[in-house]
């Protein structure tokens, strides 16, 4: 899953872009839990499975919920 696919799904789950971070990273926030995470914007390059897991854990979203959207 690349950056664009992940952020599209996160938006459908109620998350939104908060601000730019250092380099090619962005801070995203889950509006329902107010949890924050950093997401690397690597364009069309696929994100590593461990990176996606960490993002979901930080935001309090399960993989099943992400797969449903």
C-alpha atoms as a PDB file:
ATOM      1  CA  UNK A   1       0.000   0.000   0.000  1.00  0.00           C
ATOM      2  CA  UNK A   2       1.437   3.375  -0.926  1.00  0.00           C
ATOM      3  CA  UNK A   3       0.995   6.787   0.717  1.00  0.00           C
ATOM      4  CA  UNK A   4      -1.959   7.845  -1.427  1.00  0.00           C
ATOM      5  CA  UNK A   5      -3.940   4.637  -0.822  1.00  0.00           C
ATOM      6  CA  UNK A   6      -3.290   4.764   2.928  1.00  0.00           C
ATOM      7  CA  UNK A   7      -4.254   8.409   3.367  1.00  0.00           C
ATOM      8  CA  UNK A   8      -7.424   7.959   1.288  1.00  0.00           C
ATOM      9  CA  UNK A   9      -8.527   5.170   3.619  1.00  0.00           C
ATOM     10  CA  UNK A  10      -7.541   7.118   6.732  1.00  0.00           C
ATOM     11  CA  UNK A  11      -9.633  10.094   5.596  1.00  0.00           C
ATOM     12  CA  UNK A  12     -12.661   7.814   5.230  1.00  0.00           C
ATOM     13  CA  UNK A  13     -12.057   6.662   8.816  1.00  0.00           C
ATOM     14  CA  UNK A  14     -12.098  10.227  10.163  1.00  0.00           C
ATOM     15  CA  UNK A  15      -8.394  11.084  10.166  1.00  0.00           C
ATOM     16  CA  UNK A  16      -6.987  14.253   8.670  1.00  0.00           C
ATOM     17  CA  UNK A  17      -3.714  15.913   7.778  1.00  0.00           C
ATOM     18  CA  UNK A  18      -2.472  18.123  10.618  1.00  0.00           C
ATOM     19  CA  UNK A  19       0.848  19.578   9.453  1.00  0.00           C
ATOM     20  CA  UNK A  20       4.103  18.934   7.608  1.00  0.00           C
ATOM     21  CA  UNK A  21       6.973  17.434   9.546  1.00  0.00           C
ATOM     22  CA  UNK A  22      10.674  17.151   8.858  1.00  0.00           C
ATOM     23  CA  UNK A  23      11.643  16.025   5.357  1.00  0.00           C
ATOM     24  CA  UNK A  24       8.973  14.090   3.500  1.00  0.00           C
ATOM     25  CA  UNK A  25       6.914  13.232   6.583  1.00  0.00           C
ATOM     26  CA  UNK A  26       3.490  14.481   7.667  1.00  0.00           C
ATOM     27  CA  UNK A  27       1.616  14.536  10.967  1.00  0.00           C
ATOM     28  CA  UNK A  28      -1.908  13.065  10.839  1.00  0.00           C
ATOM     29  CA  UNK A  29      -4.554  13.103  13.568  1.00  0.00           C
ATOM     30  CA  UNK A  30      -7.477  10.807  14.325  1.00  0.00           C
ATOM     31  CA  UNK A  31     -10.334  13.204  15.137  1.00  0.00           C
ATOM     32  CA  UNK A  32     -12.295  10.699  17.216  1.00  0.00           C
ATOM     33  CA  UNK A  33      -9.410   9.793  19.560  1.00  0.00           C
ATOM     34  CA  UNK A  34      -7.139  12.844  19.038  1.00  0.00           C
ATOM     35  CA  UNK A  35      -4.236  10.419  18.508  1.00  0.00           C
ATOM     36  CA  UNK A  36      -1.393  11.550  16.249  1.00  0.00           C
ATOM     37  CA  UNK A  37       1.113   9.779  14.050  1.00  0.00           C
ATOM     38  CA  UNK A  38       3.797  10.515  11.489  1.00  0.00           C
ATOM     39  CA  UNK A  39       3.333   9.219   7.946  1.00  0.00           C
ATOM     40  CA  UNK A  40       6.154   9.237   5.373  1.00  0.00           C
ATOM     41  CA  UNK A  41       5.079  10.661   2.009  1.00  0.00           C
ATOM     42  CA  UNK A  42       7.042   8.417  -0.342  1.00  0.00           C
ATOM     43  CA  UNK A  43       4.740   9.005  -3.299  1.00  0.00           C
ATOM     44  CA  UNK A  44       4.079   5.839  -5.283  1.00  0.00           C
ATOM     45  CA  UNK A  45       6.632   3.743  -3.345  1.00  0.00           C
ATOM     46  CA  UNK A  46       4.981   1.133  -1.131  1.00  0.00           C
ATOM     47  CA  UNK A  47       5.147   1.632   2.621  1.00  0.00           C
ATOM     48  CA  UNK A  48       6.616  -1.247   4.611  1.00  0.00           C
ATOM     49  CA  UNK A  49       4.102  -3.450   6.466  1.00  0.00           C
ATOM     50  CA  UNK A  50       5.732  -2.584   9.809  1.00  0.00           C
ATOM     51  CA  UNK A  51       5.368   1.124   9.086  1.00  0.00           C
ATOM     52  CA  UNK A  52       1.678   0.708   8.288  1.00  0.00           C
ATOM     53  CA  UNK A  53       1.180  -1.319  11.482  1.00  0.00           C
ATOM     54  CA  UNK A  54       2.849   1.385  13.570  1.00  0.00           C
ATOM     55  CA  UNK A  55       0.707   4.101  11.958  1.00  0.00           C
ATOM     56  CA  UNK A  56      -2.491   2.165  12.663  1.00  0.00           C
ATOM     57  CA  UNK A  57      -1.407   1.405  16.237  1.00  0.00           C
ATOM     58  CA  UNK A  58      -0.624   5.093  16.888  1.00  0.00           C
ATOM     59  CA  UNK A  59      -4.022   6.163  15.526  1.00  0.00           C
ATOM     60  CA  UNK A  60      -5.958   3.389  17.296  1.00  0.00           C
ATOM     61  CA  UNK A  61      -7.277   1.806  14.093  1.00  0.00           C
ATOM     62  CA  UNK A  62      -7.364  -1.959  13.488  1.00  0.00           C
ATOM     63  CA  UNK A  63      -6.229  -3.588  10.251  1.00  0.00           C
ATOM     64  CA  UNK A  64      -9.720  -5.059   9.835  1.00  0.00           C
ATOM     65  CA  UNK A  65     -11.280  -1.600   9.985  1.00  0.00           C
ATOM     66  CA  UNK A  66      -8.777  -0.296   7.422  1.00  0.00           C
ATOM     67  CA  UNK A  67      -9.523  -3.208   5.091  1.00  0.00           C
ATOM     68  CA  UNK A  68     -13.268  -2.506   5.201  1.00  0.00           C
ATOM     69  CA  UNK A  69     -12.967   0.954   3.631  1.00  0.00           C
END
